[in-house]
Protein backbone atom coordinates (compact mmCIF):
# COMPACT_ATOMS: atom_id res chain seq x y z
CA MET A 1 -7.17 19.82 2.28
CA ILE A 2 -5.57 16.89 4.07
CA SER A 3 -4.78 17.30 7.76
CA GLU A 4 -1.33 16.73 9.21
CA ASN A 5 -2.57 13.65 11.09
CA ASP A 6 -4.01 12.19 7.90
CA LYS A 7 -0.72 12.81 6.08
CA ILE A 8 1.17 11.00 8.84
CA ALA A 9 -1.26 8.08 8.61
CA GLN A 10 -0.73 7.89 4.83
CA ILE A 11 3.04 7.83 5.29
CA ARG A 12 2.88 5.15 7.97
CA PHE A 13 0.49 3.07 5.85
CA GLY A 14 2.89 3.35 2.92
CA GLU A 15 5.89 2.35 5.02
CA ASN A 16 3.99 -0.69 6.25
CA LEU A 17 2.94 -1.61 2.72
CA LYS A 18 6.56 -1.41 1.55
CA LYS A 19 7.75 -3.56 4.45
CA LEU A 20 5.13 -6.22 3.73
CA ARG A 21 5.85 -6.16 -0.01
CA ILE A 22 9.58 -6.58 0.52
CA GLU A 23 9.06 -9.34 3.12
CA ARG A 24 7.18 -11.28 0.46
CA GLY A 25 9.84 -10.68 -2.16
CA LEU A 26 7.57 -8.74 -4.50
CA SER A 27 8.91 -6.09 -6.84
CA TYR A 28 6.71 -3.16 -7.83
CA ARG A 29 6.08 -4.83 -11.17
CA LYS A 30 5.10 -8.22 -9.67
CA MET A 31 2.88 -6.54 -7.08
CA ALA A 32 1.23 -4.41 -9.77
CA TYR A 33 0.58 -7.45 -11.93
CA THR A 34 -0.87 -9.41 -8.99
CA CYS A 35 -3.27 -6.71 -7.78
CA SER A 36 -3.99 -4.75 -10.99
CA VAL A 37 -2.71 -1.49 -9.49
CA ASP A 38 -0.16 0.43 -11.56
CA ASN A 39 3.39 0.06 -10.23
CA SER A 40 3.88 3.84 -10.19
CA LYS A 41 0.78 4.15 -8.01
CA ILE A 42 2.16 1.52 -5.62
CA SER A 43 5.34 3.58 -5.36
CA LYS A 44 3.33 6.71 -4.61
CA ILE A 45 1.27 4.86 -1.98
CA GLU A 46 4.44 3.63 -0.29
CA LYS A 47 5.74 7.21 -0.18
CA GLY A 48 2.50 8.47 1.38
CA ARG A 49 1.60 10.60 -1.63
CA VAL A 50 -1.70 8.94 -2.51
CA ASN A 51 -4.92 8.61 -0.53
CA ILE A 52 -6.24 5.22 -1.63
CA THR A 53 -9.74 3.79 -1.77
CA LEU A 54 -11.00 0.80 0.14
CA ASN A 55 -11.02 -1.21 -3.09
CA THR A 56 -7.35 -0.46 -3.67
CA MET A 57 -6.52 -1.51 -0.12
CA LEU A 58 -8.36 -4.79 -0.64
CA GLN A 59 -6.47 -5.39 -3.90
CA LEU A 60 -3.15 -4.75 -2.18
CA ALA A 61 -4.01 -7.10 0.68
CA GLU A 62 -5.02 -9.82 -1.75
CA ALA A 63 -1.75 -9.46 -3.66
CA LEU A 64 0.18 -9.76 -0.40
CA GLN A 65 -2.03 -12.67 0.70
CA ILE A 66 -2.86 -10.99 4.00
CA HIS A 67 -5.95 -9.80 5.82
CA PRO A 68 -6.57 -6.12 4.97
CA SER A 69 -6.28 -5.20 8.66
CA GLU A 70 -2.55 -6.02 8.50
CA LEU A 71 -2.08 -3.05 6.20
CA LEU A 72 -3.44 -0.83 8.96
CA ASN A 73 -1.27 -2.41 11.65
CA TYR A 74 1.53 0.14 11.56
């Protein structure tokens, strides 16, 4: 079971991901194509509903052309 603090972290991570994606003018579809992560999964990540792997985080960072640590800077 996921703790309340972990859930909050997932939500904040997702909000940050959404902000960064929008700042770069990427739609879900364009982001999904760029990082090979399904656009519905990106939506779920942004809503804090999915606990992602390190590999997924690295793919997202690459698609956004940022250092992965920026995704954790929320």
